[in-house]
Amino acid sequence: RTVLLATGAAAFTVGCGEYGNEGDGDSGSNT
């Protein structure tokens, strides 16, 4: 259960947190 929860949280963070930044070269500008 711990492994599944940690994996899911990591995937969600990476999948949604960085969406839309492809190729813009300035990931800090979203704030």
PDB file of all heavy atoms in Angstrom:
ATOM      1  N   ARG A   1       0.829  -1.210   0.000  1.00  0.00           N
ATOM      2  CA  ARG A   1       0.000   0.000   0.000  1.00  0.00           C
ATOM      3  C   ARG A   1       0.866   1.264   0.000  1.00  0.00           C
ATOM      4  O   ARG A   1       0.599   2.215  -0.726  1.00  0.00           O
ATOM      5  CB  ARG A   1      -0.921  -0.021   1.224  1.00  0.00           C
ATOM      6  CG  ARG A   1      -1.807   1.185   1.295  1.00  0.00           C
ATOM      7  CD  ARG A   1      -2.675   1.144   2.518  1.00  0.00           C
ATOM      8  NE  ARG A   1      -3.431   2.364   2.582  1.00  0.00           N
ATOM      9  CZ  ARG A   1      -4.668   2.465   2.976  1.00  0.00           C
ATOM     10  NH1 ARG A   1      -5.313   1.397   3.370  1.00  0.00           N
ATOM     11  NH2 ARG A   1      -5.279   3.611   3.009  1.00  0.00           N
ATOM     12  N   THR A   2       1.915   1.289   0.809  1.00  0.00           N
ATOM     13  CA  THR A   2       2.804   2.453   0.872  1.00  0.00           C
ATOM     14  C   THR A   2       3.456   2.706  -0.481  1.00  0.00           C
ATOM     15  O   THR A   2       3.523   3.838  -0.949  1.00  0.00           O
ATOM     16  CB  THR A   2       3.882   2.251   1.952  1.00  0.00           C
ATOM     17  OG1 THR A   2       3.233   2.023   3.192  1.00  0.00           O
ATOM     18  CG2 THR A   2       4.806   3.446   2.050  1.00  0.00           C
ATOM     19  N   VAL A   3       3.917   1.645  -1.125  1.00  0.00           N
ATOM     20  CA  VAL A   3       4.561   1.789  -2.434  1.00  0.00           C
ATOM     21  C   VAL A   3       3.563   2.322  -3.455  1.00  0.00           C
ATOM     22  O   VAL A   3       3.860   3.239  -4.210  1.00  0.00           O
ATOM     23  CB  VAL A   3       5.163   0.438  -2.898  1.00  0.00           C
ATOM     24  CG1 VAL A   3       5.618   0.520  -4.346  1.00  0.00           C
ATOM     25  CG2 VAL A   3       6.325   0.050  -2.005  1.00  0.00           C
ATOM     26  N   LEU A   4       2.347   1.780  -3.466  1.00  0.00           N
ATOM     27  CA  LEU A   4       1.335   2.239  -4.417  1.00  0.00           C
ATOM     28  C   LEU A   4       0.958   3.698  -4.189  1.00  0.00           C
ATOM     29  O   LEU A   4       0.831   4.474  -5.126  1.00  0.00           O
ATOM     30  CB  LEU A   4       0.091   1.353  -4.346  1.00  0.00           C
ATOM     31  CG  LEU A   4       0.265  -0.062  -4.904  1.00  0.00           C
ATOM     32  CD1 LEU A   4      -0.984  -0.877  -4.650  1.00  0.00           C
ATOM     33  CD2 LEU A   4       0.591  -0.023  -6.381  1.00  0.00           C
ATOM     34  N   LEU A   5       0.780   4.084  -2.939  1.00  0.00           N
ATOM     35  CA  LEU A   5       0.431   5.471  -2.630  1.00  0.00           C
ATOM     36  C   LEU A   5       1.550   6.424  -3.039  1.00  0.00           C
ATOM     37  O   LEU A   5       1.303   7.474  -3.628  1.00  0.00           O
ATOM     38  CB  LEU A   5       0.105   5.633  -1.149  1.00  0.00           C
ATOM     39  CG  LEU A   5      -1.221   5.026  -0.694  1.00  0.00           C
ATOM     40  CD1 LEU A   5      -1.332   5.096   0.825  1.00  0.00           C
ATOM     41  CD2 LEU A   5      -2.382   5.734  -1.339  1.00  0.00           C
ATOM     42  N   ALA A   6       2.777   6.078  -2.738  1.00  0.00           N
ATOM     43  CA  ALA A   6       3.917   6.938  -3.075  1.00  0.00           C
ATOM     44  C   ALA A   6       4.083   7.050  -4.588  1.00  0.00           C
ATOM     45  O   ALA A   6       4.333   8.129  -5.123  1.00  0.00           O
ATOM     46  CB  ALA A   6       5.195   6.402  -2.442  1.00  0.00           C
ATOM     47  N   THR A   7       3.911   5.934  -5.287  1.00  0.00           N
ATOM     48  CA  THR A   7       4.044   5.945  -6.739  1.00  0.00           C
ATOM     49  C   THR A   7       2.954   6.796  -7.369  1.00  0.00           C
ATOM     50  O   THR A   7       3.207   7.593  -8.267  1.00  0.00           O
ATOM     51  CB  THR A   7       3.988   4.502  -7.291  1.00  0.00           C
ATOM     52  OG1 THR A   7       5.011   3.744  -6.665  1.00  0.00           O
ATOM     53  CG2 THR A   7       4.176   4.481  -8.796  1.00  0.00           C
ATOM     54  N   GLY A   8       1.723   6.653  -6.894  1.00  0.00           N
ATOM     55  CA  GLY A   8       0.620   7.436  -7.432  1.00  0.00           C
ATOM     56  C   GLY A   8       0.805   8.922  -7.198  1.00  0.00           C
ATOM     57  O   GLY A   8       0.561   9.743  -8.073  1.00  0.00           O
ATOM     58  N   ALA A   9       1.247   9.294  -6.003  1.00  0.00           N
ATOM     59  CA  ALA A   9       1.471  10.705  -5.695  1.00  0.00           C
ATOM     60  C   ALA A   9       2.571  11.283  -6.569  1.00  0.00           C
ATOM     61  O   ALA A   9       2.459  12.399  -7.075  1.00  0.00           O
ATOM     62  CB  ALA A   9       1.825  10.878  -4.218  1.00  0.00           C
ATOM     63  N   ALA A  10       3.641  10.521  -6.780  1.00  0.00           N
ATOM     64  CA  ALA A  10       4.740  10.999  -7.613  1.00  0.00           C
ATOM     65  C   ALA A  10       4.277  11.171  -9.058  1.00  0.00           C
ATOM     66  O   ALA A  10       4.591  12.155  -9.712  1.00  0.00           O
ATOM     67  CB  ALA A  10       5.926  10.040  -7.541  1.00  0.00           C
ATOM     68  N   ALA A  11       3.511  10.230  -9.570  1.00  0.00           N
ATOM     69  CA  ALA A  11       3.019  10.319 -10.941  1.00  0.00           C
ATOM     70  C   ALA A  11       2.095  11.512 -11.108  1.00  0.00           C
ATOM     71  O   ALA A  11       2.155  12.230 -12.091  1.00  0.00           O
ATOM     72  CB  ALA A  11       2.295   9.021 -11.327  1.00  0.00           C
ATOM     73  N   PHE A  12       1.226  11.752 -10.134  1.00  0.00           N
ATOM     74  CA  PHE A  12       0.309  12.888 -10.201  1.00  0.00           C
ATOM     75  C   PHE A  12       1.090  14.189 -10.207  1.00  0.00           C
ATOM     76  O   PHE A  12       0.841  15.073 -10.999  1.00  0.00           O
ATOM     77  CB  PHE A  12      -0.673  12.855  -9.025  1.00  0.00           C
ATOM     78  CG  PHE A  12      -1.617  14.019  -9.036  1.00  0.00           C
ATOM     79  CD1 PHE A  12      -2.682  14.050  -9.914  1.00  0.00           C
ATOM     80  CD2 PHE A  12      -1.423  15.098  -8.193  1.00  0.00           C
ATOM     81  CE1 PHE A  12      -3.544  15.128  -9.948  1.00  0.00           C
ATOM     82  CE2 PHE A  12      -2.279  16.175  -8.224  1.00  0.00           C
ATOM     83  CZ  PHE A  12      -3.347  16.186  -9.104  1.00  0.00           C
ATOM     84  N   THR A  13       2.080  14.313  -9.353  1.00  0.00           N
ATOM     85  CA  THR A  13       2.881  15.529  -9.259  1.00  0.00           C
ATOM     86  C   THR A  13       3.606  15.810 -10.560  1.00  0.00           C
ATOM     87  O   THR A  13       3.583  16.914 -11.071  1.00  0.00           O
ATOM     88  CB  THR A  13       3.899  15.417  -8.104  1.00  0.00           C
ATOM     89  OG1 THR A  13       3.180  15.184  -6.913  1.00  0.00           O
ATOM     90  CG2 THR A  13       4.730  16.674  -7.971  1.00  0.00           C
ATOM     91  N   VAL A  14       4.235  14.799 -11.124  1.00  0.00           N
ATOM     92  CA  VAL A  14       4.966  14.986 -12.366  1.00  0.00           C
ATOM     93  C   VAL A  14       4.008  15.210 -13.520  1.00  0.00           C
ATOM     94  O   VAL A  14       4.173  16.101 -14.322  1.00  0.00           O
ATOM     95  CB  VAL A  14       5.879  13.769 -12.650  1.00  0.00           C
ATOM     96  CG1 VAL A  14       6.477  13.861 -14.035  1.00  0.00           C
ATOM     97  CG2 VAL A  14       6.970  13.690 -11.603  1.00  0.00           C
ATOM     98  N   GLY A  15       2.954  14.428 -13.611  1.00  0.00           N
ATOM     99  CA  GLY A  15       2.032  14.497 -14.737  1.00  0.00           C
ATOM    100  C   GLY A  15       1.297  15.816 -14.823  1.00  0.00           C
ATOM    101  O   GLY A  15       1.148  16.386 -15.888  1.00  0.00           O
ATOM    102  N   CYS A  16       0.788  16.339 -13.723  1.00  0.00           N
ATOM    103  CA  CYS A  16      -0.009  17.563 -13.776  1.00  0.00           C
ATOM    104  C   CYS A  16       0.804  18.800 -13.451  1.00  0.00           C
ATOM    105  O   CYS A  16       0.506  19.865 -13.924  1.00  0.00           O
ATOM    106  CB  CYS A  16      -1.211  17.465 -12.830  1.00  0.00           C
ATOM    107  SG  CYS A  16      -2.438  16.321 -13.456  1.00  0.00           S
ATOM    108  N   GLY A  17       1.827  18.663 -12.630  1.00  0.00           N
ATOM    109  CA  GLY A  17       2.583  19.828 -12.202  1.00  0.00           C
ATOM    110  C   GLY A  17       3.394  20.454 -13.314  1.00  0.00           C
ATOM    111  O   GLY A  17       3.613  21.649 -13.337  1.00  0.00           O
ATOM    112  N   GLU A  18       3.821  19.669 -14.268  1.00  0.00           N
ATOM    113  CA  GLU A  18       4.662  20.192 -15.328  1.00  0.00           C
ATOM    114  C   GLU A  18       3.946  20.267 -16.659  1.00  0.00           C
ATOM    115  O   GLU A  18       4.515  20.640 -17.647  1.00  0.00           O
ATOM    116  CB  GLU A  18       5.913  19.306 -15.481  1.00  0.00           C
ATOM    117  CG  GLU A  18       6.841  19.385 -14.284  1.00  0.00           C
ATOM    118  CD  GLU A  18       7.400  20.777 -14.075  1.00  0.00           C
ATOM    119  OE1 GLU A  18       7.809  21.428 -15.053  1.00  0.00           O
ATOM    120  OE2 GLU A  18       7.423  21.229 -12.921  1.00  0.00           O
ATOM    121  N   TYR A  19       2.676  19.900 -16.718  1.00  0.00           N
ATOM    122  CA  TYR A  19       1.956  19.881 -17.987  1.00  0.00           C
ATOM    123  C   TYR A  19       1.906  21.281 -18.582  1.00  0.00           C
ATOM    124  O   TYR A  19       1.651  22.251 -17.905  1.00  0.00           O
ATOM    125  CB  TYR A  19       0.527  19.367 -17.781  1.00  0.00           C
ATOM    126  CG  TYR A  19      -0.211  19.233 -19.075  1.00  0.00           C
ATOM    127  CD1 TYR A  19      -0.020  18.108 -19.862  1.00  0.00           C
ATOM    128  CD2 TYR A  19      -1.035  20.229 -19.531  1.00  0.00           C
ATOM    129  CE1 TYR A  19      -0.662  17.982 -21.062  1.00  0.00           C
ATOM    130  CE2 TYR A  19      -1.676  20.114 -20.738  1.00  0.00           C
ATOM    131  CZ  TYR A  19      -1.491  18.988 -21.505  1.00  0.00           C
ATOM    132  OH  TYR A  19      -2.127  18.874 -22.699  1.00  0.00           O
ATOM    133  N   GLY A  20       2.174  21.354 -19.863  1.00  0.00           N
ATOM    134  CA  GLY A  20       2.078  22.630 -20.563  1.00  0.00           C
ATOM    135  C   GLY A  20       3.384  23.398 -20.608  1.00  0.00           C
ATOM    136  O   GLY A  20       3.448  24.462 -21.169  1.00  0.00           O
ATOM    137  N   ASN A  21       4.458  22.856 -20.040  1.00  0.00           N
ATOM    138  CA  ASN A  21       5.733  23.559 -20.049  1.00  0.00           C
ATOM    139  C   ASN A  21       6.648  23.096 -21.168  1.00  0.00           C
ATOM    140  O   ASN A  21       7.761  23.550 -21.264  1.00  0.00           O
ATOM    141  CB  ASN A  21       6.467  23.360 -18.716  1.00  0.00           C
ATOM    142  CG  ASN A  21       5.847  24.147 -17.606  1.00  0.00           C
ATOM    143  OD1 ASN A  21       5.139  25.114 -17.849  1.00  0.00           O
ATOM    144  ND2 ASN A  21       6.077  23.723 -16.386  1.00  0.00           N
ATOM    145  N   GLU A  22       6.177  22.178 -22.008  1.00  0.00           N
ATOM    146  CA  GLU A  22       7.050  21.633 -23.030  1.00  0.00           C
ATOM    147  C   GLU A  22       7.561  22.726 -23.944  1.00  0.00           C
ATOM    148  O   GLU A  22       6.782  23.496 -24.485  1.00  0.00           O
ATOM    149  CB  GLU A  22       6.319  20.603 -23.908  1.00  0.00           C
ATOM    150  CG  GLU A  22       5.576  19.535 -23.203  1.00  0.00           C
ATOM    151  CD  GLU A  22       4.176  19.924 -22.777  1.00  0.00           C
ATOM    152  OE1 GLU A  22       3.507  20.717 -23.459  1.00  0.00           O
ATOM    153  OE2 GLU A  22       3.765  19.438 -21.734  1.00  0.00           O
ATOM    154  N   GLY A  23       8.868  22.800 -24.066  1.00  0.00           N
ATOM    155  CA  GLY A  23       9.465  23.675 -25.039  1.00  0.00           C
ATOM    156  C   GLY A  23       9.473  25.152 -24.688  1.00  0.00           C
ATOM    157  O   GLY A  23       9.921  25.950 -25.471  1.00  0.00           O
ATOM    158  N   ASP A  24       8.973  25.542 -23.536  1.00  0.00           N
ATOM    159  CA  ASP A  24       8.992  26.972 -23.251  1.00  0.00           C
ATOM    160  C   ASP A  24      10.315  27.410 -22.638  1.00  0.00           C
ATOM    161  O   ASP A  24      10.625  28.579 -22.627  1.00  0.00           O
ATOM    162  CB  ASP A  24       7.801  27.419 -22.400  1.00  0.00           C
ATOM    163  CG  ASP A  24       7.846  26.963 -20.953  1.00  0.00           C
ATOM    164  OD1 ASP A  24       8.828  26.293 -20.566  1.00  0.00           O
ATOM    165  OD2 ASP A  24       6.910  27.286 -20.216  1.00  0.00           O
ATOM    166  N   GLY A  25      11.080  26.469 -22.087  1.00  0.00           N
ATOM    167  CA  GLY A  25      12.404  26.770 -21.583  1.00  0.00           C
ATOM    168  C   GLY A  25      12.439  27.624 -20.341  1.00  0.00           C
ATOM    169  O   GLY A  25      13.494  28.019 -19.900  1.00  0.00           O
ATOM    170  N   ASP A  26      11.286  27.946 -19.749  1.00  0.00           N
ATOM    171  CA  ASP A  26      11.262  28.814 -18.578  1.00  0.00           C
ATOM    172  C   ASP A  26      10.253  28.285 -17.577  1.00  0.00           C
ATOM    173  O   ASP A  26       9.178  28.819 -17.420  1.00  0.00           O
ATOM    174  CB  ASP A  26      10.897  30.247 -18.996  1.00  0.00           C
ATOM    175  CG  ASP A  26      10.984  31.225 -17.846  1.00  0.00           C
ATOM    176  OD1 ASP A  26      11.539  30.862 -16.795  1.00  0.00           O
ATOM    177  OD2 ASP A  26      10.502  32.363 -17.999  1.00  0.00           O
ATOM    178  N   SER A  27      10.615  27.206 -16.890  1.00  0.00           N
ATOM    179  CA  SER A  27       9.665  26.558 -15.996  1.00  0.00           C
ATOM    180  C   SER A  27       9.368  27.399 -14.763  1.00  0.00           C
ATOM    181  O   SER A  27       8.353  27.202 -14.121  1.00  0.00           O
ATOM    182  CB  SER A  27      10.179  25.181 -15.580  1.00  0.00           C
ATOM    183  OG  SER A  27      11.405  25.313 -14.893  1.00  0.00           O
ATOM    184  N   GLY A  28      10.181  28.372 -14.422  1.00  0.00           N
ATOM    185  CA  GLY A  28       9.936  29.190 -13.243  1.00  0.00           C
ATOM    186  C   GLY A  28       8.903  30.281 -13.469  1.00  0.00           C
ATOM    187  O   GLY A  28       8.477  30.933 -12.545  1.00  0.00           O
ATOM    188  N   SER A  29       8.469  30.495 -14.687  1.00  0.00           N
ATOM    189  CA  SER A  29       7.575  31.608 -14.975  1.00  0.00           C
ATOM    190  C   SER A  29       6.128  31.338 -14.600  1.00  0.00           C
ATOM    191  O   SER A  29       5.314  32.234 -14.646  1.00  0.00           O
ATOM    192  CB  SER A  29       7.662  31.980 -16.453  1.00  0.00           C
ATOM    193  OG  SER A  29       7.197  30.900 -17.234  1.00  0.00           O
ATOM    194  N   ASN A  30       5.771  30.114 -14.238  1.00  0.00           N
ATOM    195  CA  ASN A  30       4.378  29.802 -13.943  1.00  0.00           C
ATOM    196  C   ASN A  30       3.897  30.394 -12.630  1.00  0.00           C
ATOM    197  O   ASN A  30       2.721  30.319 -12.329  1.00  0.00           O
ATOM    198  CB  ASN A  30       4.162  28.294 -13.953  1.00  0.00           C
ATOM    199  CG  ASN A  30       4.177  27.758 -15.364  1.00  0.00           C
ATOM    200  OD1 ASN A  30       3.957  28.498 -16.312  1.00  0.00           O
ATOM    201  ND2 ASN A  30       4.441  26.481 -15.505  1.00  0.00           N
ATOM    202  N   THR A  31       4.763  30.982 -11.832  1.00  0.00           N
ATOM    203  CA  THR A  31       4.344  31.531 -10.556  1.00  0.00           C
ATOM    204  C   THR A  31       3.993  33.015 -10.650  1.00  0.00           C
ATOM    205  O   THR A  31       3.554  33.595  -9.692  1.00  0.00           O
ATOM    206  CB  THR A  31       5.441  31.344  -9.500  1.00  0.00           C
ATOM    207  OG1 THR A  31       6.624  31.986  -9.956  1.00  0.00           O
ATOM    208  CG2 THR A  31       5.716  29.868  -9.255  1.00  0.00           C
TER     209      THR A  31
END
